[in-house]
Amino acid sequence: MLHFYLYNQEEFNHHYHKRSNAESTFSMIKSRFGERLRSKTERAQINEALCKVLCHNICVVIQSIHELGIEVEFIGRM
């Protein structure tokens, strides 16, 4: 890996930052929703983990709306 880094720093950094972003996201999810899954079956655990990711994404969108002052307009059913 050192050889790859020394001769391909730009490509190495591109992949490294992907991992860094993923690690940060997992850390945020664990700190907000807990590290453990409470479901017993494998299918339920997968669904629980996916729900945590969905909730995290919704929280990030809401936070961005408030921080950036984005005006949101929801279209209702007619």
PDB file of N, CA and C in Angstrom:
ATOM      1  N   MET A   1       0.821  -1.193   0.000  1.00  0.00           N
ATOM      2  CA  MET A   1       0.000   0.000   0.000  1.00  0.00           C
ATOM      3  C   MET A   1       0.865   1.258   0.000  1.00  0.00           C
ATOM      4  N   LEU A   2       2.004   1.193   0.665  1.00  0.00           N
ATOM      5  CA  LEU A   2       2.889   2.347   0.679  1.00  0.00           C
ATOM      6  C   LEU A   2       3.368   2.665  -0.737  1.00  0.00           C
ATOM      7  N   HIS A   3       3.714   1.635  -1.492  1.00  0.00           N
ATOM      8  CA  HIS A   3       4.142   1.827  -2.878  1.00  0.00           C
ATOM      9  C   HIS A   3       3.021   2.463  -3.696  1.00  0.00           C
ATOM     10  N   PHE A   4       1.801   1.959  -3.530  1.00  0.00           N
ATOM     11  CA  PHE A   4       0.652   2.516  -4.247  1.00  0.00           C
ATOM     12  C   PHE A   4       0.443   3.970  -3.866  1.00  0.00           C
ATOM     13  N   TYR A   5       0.557   4.274  -2.568  1.00  0.00           N
ATOM     14  CA  TYR A   5       0.379   5.647  -2.094  1.00  0.00           C
ATOM     15  C   TYR A   5       1.444   6.572  -2.679  1.00  0.00           C
ATOM     16  N   LEU A   6       2.683   6.131  -2.664  1.00  0.00           N
ATOM     17  CA  LEU A   6       3.777   6.980  -3.134  1.00  0.00           C
ATOM     18  C   LEU A   6       3.668   7.322  -4.612  1.00  0.00           C
ATOM     19  N   TYR A   7       3.158   6.389  -5.407  1.00  0.00           N
ATOM     20  CA  TYR A   7       3.119   6.613  -6.848  1.00  0.00           C
ATOM     21  C   TYR A   7       1.736   6.992  -7.384  1.00  0.00           C
ATOM     22  N   ASN A   8       0.714   6.881  -6.563  1.00  0.00           N
ATOM     23  CA  ASN A   8      -0.660   7.209  -6.997  1.00  0.00           C
ATOM     24  C   ASN A   8      -1.405   7.939  -5.884  1.00  0.00           C
ATOM     25  N   GLN A   9      -0.859   9.031  -5.392  1.00  0.00           N
ATOM     26  CA  GLN A   9      -1.449   9.704  -4.234  1.00  0.00           C
ATOM     27  C   GLN A   9      -2.867  10.190  -4.493  1.00  0.00           C
ATOM     28  N   GLU A  10      -3.130  10.721  -5.670  1.00  0.00           N
ATOM     29  CA  GLU A  10      -4.456  11.244  -5.964  1.00  0.00           C
ATOM     30  C   GLU A  10      -5.512  10.140  -5.917  1.00  0.00           C
ATOM     31  N   GLU A  11      -5.238   9.017  -6.539  1.00  0.00           N
ATOM     32  CA  GLU A  11      -6.190   7.898  -6.528  1.00  0.00           C
ATOM     33  C   GLU A  11      -6.329   7.314  -5.123  1.00  0.00           C
ATOM     34  N   PHE A  12      -5.209   7.209  -4.408  1.00  0.00           N
ATOM     35  CA  PHE A  12      -5.240   6.697  -3.037  1.00  0.00           C
ATOM     36  C   PHE A  12      -6.125   7.580  -2.164  1.00  0.00           C
ATOM     37  N   ASN A  13      -5.942   8.904  -2.257  1.00  0.00           N
ATOM     38  CA  ASN A  13      -6.728   9.834  -1.448  1.00  0.00           C
ATOM     39  C   ASN A  13      -8.206   9.765  -1.797  1.00  0.00           C
ATOM     40  N   HIS A  14      -8.518   9.564  -3.080  1.00  0.00           N
ATOM     41  CA  HIS A  14      -9.920   9.447  -3.493  1.00  0.00           C
ATOM     42  C   HIS A  14     -10.590   8.275  -2.786  1.00  0.00           C
ATOM     43  N   HIS A  15      -9.929   7.125  -2.753  1.00  0.00           N
ATOM     44  CA  HIS A  15     -10.493   5.946  -2.093  1.00  0.00           C
ATOM     45  C   HIS A  15     -10.459   6.091  -0.574  1.00  0.00           C
ATOM     46  N   TYR A  16      -9.409   6.717  -0.039  1.00  0.00           N
ATOM     47  CA  TYR A  16      -9.306   6.889   1.405  1.00  0.00           C
ATOM     48  C   TYR A  16     -10.445   7.746   1.925  1.00  0.00           C
ATOM     49  N   HIS A  17     -10.789   8.811   1.211  1.00  0.00           N
ATOM     50  CA  HIS A  17     -11.853   9.694   1.681  1.00  0.00           C
ATOM     51  C   HIS A  17     -13.220   9.033   1.595  1.00  0.00           C
ATOM     52  N   LYS A  18     -13.401   8.091   0.684  1.00  0.00           N
ATOM     53  CA  LYS A  18     -14.645   7.323   0.665  1.00  0.00           C
ATOM     54  C   LYS A  18     -14.780   6.540   1.970  1.00  0.00           C
ATOM     55  N   ARG A  19     -13.685   5.895   2.372  1.00  0.00           N
ATOM     56  CA  ARG A  19     -13.699   5.128   3.613  1.00  0.00           C
ATOM     57  C   ARG A  19     -13.902   6.052   4.811  1.00  0.00           C
ATOM     58  N   SER A  20     -13.240   7.182   4.809  1.00  0.00           N
ATOM     59  CA  SER A  20     -13.366   8.147   5.893  1.00  0.00           C
ATOM     60  C   SER A  20     -14.815   8.611   6.038  1.00  0.00           C
ATOM     61  N   ASN A  21     -15.469   8.900   4.920  1.00  0.00           N
ATOM     62  CA  ASN A  21     -16.869   9.321   4.953  1.00  0.00           C
ATOM     63  C   ASN A  21     -17.769   8.204   5.488  1.00  0.00           C
ATOM     64  N   ALA A  22     -17.517   6.978   5.067  1.00  0.00           N
ATOM     65  CA  ALA A  22     -18.318   5.852   5.544  1.00  0.00           C
ATOM     66  C   ALA A  22     -18.130   5.655   7.050  1.00  0.00           C
ATOM     67  N   GLU A  23     -16.896   5.743   7.536  1.00  0.00           N
ATOM     68  CA  GLU A  23     -16.625   5.586   8.968  1.00  0.00           C
ATOM     69  C   GLU A  23     -17.311   6.684   9.764  1.00  0.00           C
ATOM     70  N   SER A  24     -17.291   7.910   9.259  1.00  0.00           N
ATOM     71  CA  SER A  24     -17.952   9.025   9.948  1.00  0.00           C
ATOM     72  C   SER A  24     -19.459   8.806  10.019  1.00  0.00           C
ATOM     73  N   THR A  25     -20.025   8.324   8.926  1.00  0.00           N
ATOM     74  CA  THR A  25     -21.470   8.075   8.889  1.00  0.00           C
ATOM     75  C   THR A  25     -21.859   6.984   9.882  1.00  0.00           C
ATOM     76  N   PHE A  26     -21.108   5.882   9.908  1.00  0.00           N
ATOM     77  CA  PHE A  26     -21.411   4.810  10.857  1.00  0.00           C
ATOM     78  C   PHE A  26     -21.284   5.310  12.292  1.00  0.00           C
ATOM     79  N   SER A  27     -20.293   6.138  12.558  1.00  0.00           N
ATOM     80  CA  SER A  27     -20.107   6.688  13.894  1.00  0.00           C
ATOM     81  C   SER A  27     -21.294   7.563  14.287  1.00  0.00           C
ATOM     82  N   MET A  28     -21.778   8.381  13.360  1.00  0.00           N
ATOM     83  CA  MET A  28     -22.931   9.239  13.635  1.00  0.00           C
ATOM     84  C   MET A  28     -24.176   8.405  13.921  1.00  0.00           C
ATOM     85  N   ILE A  29     -24.393   7.365  13.141  1.00  0.00           N
ATOM     86  CA  ILE A  29     -25.564   6.499  13.334  1.00  0.00           C
ATOM     87  C   ILE A  29     -25.489   5.815  14.687  1.00  0.00           C
ATOM     88  N   LYS A  30     -24.319   5.280  15.038  1.00  0.00           N
ATOM     89  CA  LYS A  30     -24.154   4.587  16.319  1.00  0.00           C
ATOM     90  C   LYS A  30     -24.333   5.533  17.495  1.00  0.00           C
ATOM     91  N   SER A  31     -23.834   6.750  17.388  1.00  0.00           N
ATOM     92  CA  SER A  31     -23.955   7.677  18.518  1.00  0.00           C
ATOM     93  C   SER A  31     -25.388   8.154  18.696  1.00  0.00           C
ATOM     94  N   ARG A  32     -26.128   8.297  17.608  1.00  0.00           N
ATOM     95  CA  ARG A  32     -27.494   8.795  17.700  1.00  0.00           C
ATOM     96  C   ARG A  32     -28.504   7.699  18.049  1.00  0.00           C
ATOM     97  N   PHE A  33     -28.340   6.503  17.482  1.00  0.00           N
ATOM     98  CA  PHE A  33     -29.347   5.457  17.633  1.00  0.00           C
ATOM     99  C   PHE A  33     -28.863   4.237  18.410  1.00  0.00           C
ATOM    100  N   GLY A  34     -27.646   4.276  18.905  1.00  0.00           N
ATOM    101  CA  GLY A  34     -27.116   3.160  19.675  1.00  0.00           C
ATOM    102  C   GLY A  34     -26.346   2.180  18.807  1.00  0.00           C
ATOM    103  N   GLU A  35     -25.459   1.460  19.450  1.00  0.00           N
ATOM    104  CA  GLU A  35     -24.580   0.539  18.727  1.00  0.00           C
ATOM    105  C   GLU A  35     -25.203  -0.838  18.504  1.00  0.00           C
ATOM    106  N   ARG A  36     -26.198  -1.184  19.292  1.00  0.00           N
ATOM    107  CA  ARG A  36     -26.729  -2.546  19.241  1.00  0.00           C
ATOM    108  C   ARG A  36     -28.054  -2.598  18.499  1.00  0.00           C
ATOM    109  N   LEU A  37     -28.314  -3.756  17.914  1.00  0.00           N
ATOM    110  CA  LEU A  37     -29.611  -4.037  17.318  1.00  0.00           C
ATOM    111  C   LEU A  37     -30.407  -4.854  18.321  1.00  0.00           C
ATOM    112  N   ARG A  38     -31.681  -4.562  18.446  1.00  0.00           N
ATOM    113  CA  ARG A  38     -32.506  -5.246  19.455  1.00  0.00           C
ATOM    114  C   ARG A  38     -33.295  -6.418  18.887  1.00  0.00           C
ATOM    115  N   SER A  39     -33.387  -6.480  17.587  1.00  0.00           N
ATOM    116  CA  SER A  39     -34.158  -7.548  16.952  1.00  0.00           C
ATOM    117  C   SER A  39     -33.435  -8.877  17.077  1.00  0.00           C
ATOM    118  N   LYS A  40     -34.223  -9.961  17.044  1.00  0.00           N
ATOM    119  CA  LYS A  40     -33.646 -11.293  17.238  1.00  0.00           C
ATOM    120  C   LYS A  40     -33.341 -12.010  15.934  1.00  0.00           C
ATOM    121  N   THR A  41     -34.241 -11.921  14.969  1.00  0.00           N
ATOM    122  CA  THR A  41     -34.020 -12.653  13.722  1.00  0.00           C
ATOM    123  C   THR A  41     -33.146 -11.836  12.775  1.00  0.00           C
ATOM    124  N   GLU A  42     -32.492 -12.540  11.866  1.00  0.00           N
ATOM    125  CA  GLU A  42     -31.594 -11.864  10.923  1.00  0.00           C
ATOM    126  C   GLU A  42     -32.343 -10.863  10.049  1.00  0.00           C
ATOM    127  N   ARG A  43     -33.510 -11.266   9.546  1.00  0.00           N
ATOM    128  CA  ARG A  43     -34.298 -10.371   8.691  1.00  0.00           C
ATOM    129  C   ARG A  43     -34.720  -9.124   9.456  1.00  0.00           C
ATOM    130  N   ALA A  44     -35.130  -9.297  10.703  1.00  0.00           N
ATOM    131  CA  ALA A  44     -35.533  -8.151  11.521  1.00  0.00           C
ATOM    132  C   ALA A  44     -34.337  -7.241  11.819  1.00  0.00           C
ATOM    133  N   GLN A  45     -33.161  -7.831  12.022  1.00  0.00           N
ATOM    134  CA  GLN A  45     -31.958  -7.038  12.268  1.00  0.00           C
ATOM    135  C   GLN A  45     -31.585  -6.205  11.037  1.00  0.00           C
ATOM    136  N   ILE A  46     -31.716  -6.812   9.863  1.00  0.00           N
ATOM    137  CA  ILE A  46     -31.439  -6.075   8.621  1.00  0.00           C
ATOM    138  C   ILE A  46     -32.406  -4.911   8.494  1.00  0.00           C
ATOM    139  N   ASN A  47     -33.690  -5.172   8.735  1.00  0.00           N
ATOM    140  CA  ASN A  47     -34.694  -4.111   8.653  1.00  0.00           C
ATOM    141  C   ASN A  47     -34.439  -3.016   9.684  1.00  0.00           C
ATOM    142  N   GLU A  48     -34.032  -3.396  10.883  1.00  0.00           N
ATOM    143  CA  GLU A  48     -33.737  -2.422  11.925  1.00  0.00           C
ATOM    144  C   GLU A  48     -32.541  -1.551  11.531  1.00  0.00           C
ATOM    145  N   ALA A  49     -31.503  -2.167  10.991  1.00  0.00           N
ATOM    146  CA  ALA A  49     -30.326  -1.409  10.555  1.00  0.00           C
ATOM    147  C   ALA A  49     -30.695  -0.461   9.409  1.00  0.00           C
ATOM    148  N   LEU A  50     -31.496  -0.926   8.467  1.00  0.00           N
ATOM    149  CA  LEU A  50     -31.931  -0.072   7.364  1.00  0.00           C
ATOM    150  C   LEU A  50     -32.784   1.090   7.864  1.00  0.00           C
ATOM    151  N   CYS A  51     -33.613   0.845   8.858  1.00  0.00           N
ATOM    152  CA  CYS A  51     -34.423   1.922   9.450  1.00  0.00           C
ATOM    153  C   CYS A  51     -33.534   2.962  10.124  1.00  0.00           C
ATOM    154  N   LYS A  52     -32.470   2.512  10.786  1.00  0.00           N
ATOM    155  CA  LYS A  52     -31.533   3.450  11.408  1.00  0.00           C
ATOM    156  C   LYS A  52     -30.869   4.323  10.345  1.00  0.00           C
ATOM    157  N   VAL A  53     -30.485   3.716   9.227  1.00  0.00           N
ATOM    158  CA  VAL A  53     -29.861   4.478   8.139  1.00  0.00           C
ATOM    159  C   VAL A  53     -30.863   5.473   7.557  1.00  0.00           C
ATOM    160  N   LEU A  54     -32.094   5.042   7.351  1.00  0.00           N
ATOM    161  CA  LEU A  54     -33.134   5.922   6.830  1.00  0.00           C
ATOM    162  C   LEU A  54     -33.368   7.103   7.769  1.00  0.00           C
ATOM    163  N   CYS A  55     -33.488   6.823   9.062  1.00  0.00           N
ATOM    164  CA  CYS A  55     -33.690   7.890  10.044  1.00  0.00           C
ATOM    165  C   CYS A  55     -32.503   8.848  10.071  1.00  0.00           C
ATOM    166  N   HIS A  56     -31.302   8.316   9.958  1.00  0.00           N
ATOM    167  CA  HIS A  56     -30.110   9.166   9.918  1.00  0.00           C
ATOM    168  C   HIS A  56     -30.174  10.088   8.708  1.00  0.00           C
ATOM    169  N   ASN A  57     -30.521   9.552   7.550  1.00  0.00           N
ATOM    170  CA  ASN A  57     -30.596  10.372   6.339  1.00  0.00           C
ATOM    171  C   ASN A  57     -31.651  11.466   6.470  1.00  0.00           C
ATOM    172  N   ILE A  58     -32.782  11.151   7.070  1.00  0.00           N
ATOM    173  CA  ILE A  58     -33.831  12.153   7.280  1.00  0.00           C
ATOM    174  C   ILE A  58     -33.321  13.245   8.220  1.00  0.00           C
ATOM    175  N   CYS A  59     -32.638  12.868   9.296  1.00  0.00           N
ATOM    176  CA  CYS A  59     -32.079  13.847  10.235  1.00  0.00           C
ATOM    177  C   CYS A  59     -31.062  14.757   9.548  1.00  0.00           C
ATOM    178  N   VAL A  60     -30.236  14.197   8.682  1.00  0.00           N
ATOM    179  CA  VAL A  60     -29.232  14.993   7.968  1.00  0.00           C
ATOM    180  C   VAL A  60     -29.910  15.984   7.020  1.00  0.00           C
ATOM    181  N   VAL A  61     -30.961  15.557   6.345  1.00  0.00           N
ATOM    182  CA  VAL A  61     -31.687  16.452   5.439  1.00  0.00           C
ATOM    183  C   VAL A  61     -32.331  17.585   6.230  1.00  0.00           C
ATOM    184  N   ILE A  62     -32.969  17.270   7.339  1.00  0.00           N
ATOM    185  CA  ILE A  62     -33.614  18.296   8.170  1.00  0.00           C
ATOM    186  C   ILE A  62     -32.579  19.278   8.703  1.00  0.00           C
ATOM    187  N   GLN A  63     -31.457  18.772   9.174  1.00  0.00           N
ATOM    188  CA  GLN A  63     -30.396  19.638   9.687  1.00  0.00           C
ATOM    189  C   GLN A  63     -29.870  20.556   8.576  1.00  0.00           C
ATOM    190  N   SER A  64     -29.690  20.026   7.383  1.00  0.00           N
ATOM    191  CA  SER A  64     -29.207  20.834   6.265  1.00  0.00           C
ATOM    192  C   SER A  64     -30.208  21.914   5.886  1.00  0.00           C
ATOM    193  N   ILE A  65     -31.484  21.571   5.920  1.00  0.00           N
ATOM    194  CA  ILE A  65     -32.532  22.560   5.619  1.00  0.00           C
ATOM    195  C   ILE A  65     -32.431  23.737   6.576  1.00  0.00           C
ATOM    196  N   HIS A  66     -32.273  23.457   7.870  1.00  0.00           N
ATOM    197  CA  HIS A  66     -32.201  24.524   8.862  1.00  0.00           C
ATOM    198  C   HIS A  66     -30.894  25.303   8.772  1.00  0.00           C
ATOM    199  N   GLU A  67     -29.779  24.623   8.623  1.00  0.00           N
ATOM    200  CA  GLU A  67     -28.486  25.299   8.587  1.00  0.00           C
ATOM    201  C   GLU A  67     -28.305  26.157   7.343  1.00  0.00           C
ATOM    202  N   LEU A  68     -28.813  25.692   6.215  1.00  0.00           N
ATOM    203  CA  LEU A  68     -28.629  26.409   4.959  1.00  0.00           C
ATOM    204  C   LEU A  68     -29.790  27.354   4.637  1.00  0.00           C
ATOM    205  N   GLY A  69     -30.826  27.332   5.469  1.00  0.00           N
ATOM    206  CA  GLY A  69     -31.965  28.212   5.260  1.00  0.00           C
ATOM    207  C   GLY A  69     -32.736  27.904   3.994  1.00  0.00           C
ATOM    208  N   ILE A  70     -32.843  26.642   3.672  1.00  0.00           N
ATOM    209  CA  ILE A  70     -33.549  26.229   2.459  1.00  0.00           C
ATOM    210  C   ILE A  70     -35.048  26.282   2.705  1.00  0.00           C
ATOM    211  N   GLU A  71     -35.763  26.908   1.781  1.00  0.00           N
ATOM    212  CA  GLU A  71     -37.226  26.987   1.865  1.00  0.00           C
ATOM    213  C   GLU A  71     -37.805  25.728   1.231  1.00  0.00           C
ATOM    214  N   VAL A  72     -38.546  24.969   1.989  1.00  0.00           N
ATOM    215  CA  VAL A  72     -39.098  23.693   1.504  1.00  0.00           C
ATOM    216  C   VAL A  72     -40.579  23.861   1.250  1.00  0.00           C
ATOM    217  N   GLU A  73     -41.011  23.413   0.095  1.00  0.00           N
ATOM    218  CA  GLU A  73     -42.423  23.470  -0.239  1.00  0.00           C
ATOM    219  C   GLU A  73     -42.885  22.067  -0.610  1.00  0.00           C
ATOM    220  N   PHE A  74     -43.802  21.550   0.164  1.00  0.00           N
ATOM    221  CA  PHE A  74     -44.315  20.208  -0.085  1.00  0.00           C
ATOM    222  C   PHE A  74     -45.546  20.295  -0.978  1.00  0.00           C
ATOM    223  N   ILE A  75     -45.615  19.390  -1.917  1.00  0.00           N
ATOM    224  CA  ILE A  75     -46.748  19.364  -2.829  1.00  0.00           C
ATOM    225  C   ILE A  75     -47.749  18.355  -2.281  1.00  0.00           C
ATOM    226  N   GLY A  76     -48.950  18.826  -2.000  1.00  0.00           N
ATOM    227  CA  GLY A  76     -49.989  17.954  -1.451  1.00  0.00           C
ATOM    228  C   GLY A  76     -50.747  17.257  -2.556  1.00  0.00           C
ATOM    229  N   ARG A  77     -51.522  16.281  -2.154  1.00  0.00           N
ATOM    230  CA  ARG A  77     -52.354  15.563  -3.127  1.00  0.00           C
ATOM    231  C   ARG A  77     -53.530  16.431  -3.521  1.00  0.00           C
ATOM    232  N   MET A  78     -53.952  16.287  -4.756  1.00  0.00           N
ATOM    233  CA  MET A  78     -55.112  17.059  -5.251  1.00  0.00           C
ATOM    234  C   MET A  78     -56.352  16.256  -5.226  1.00  0.00           C
TER     235      MET A  78
END
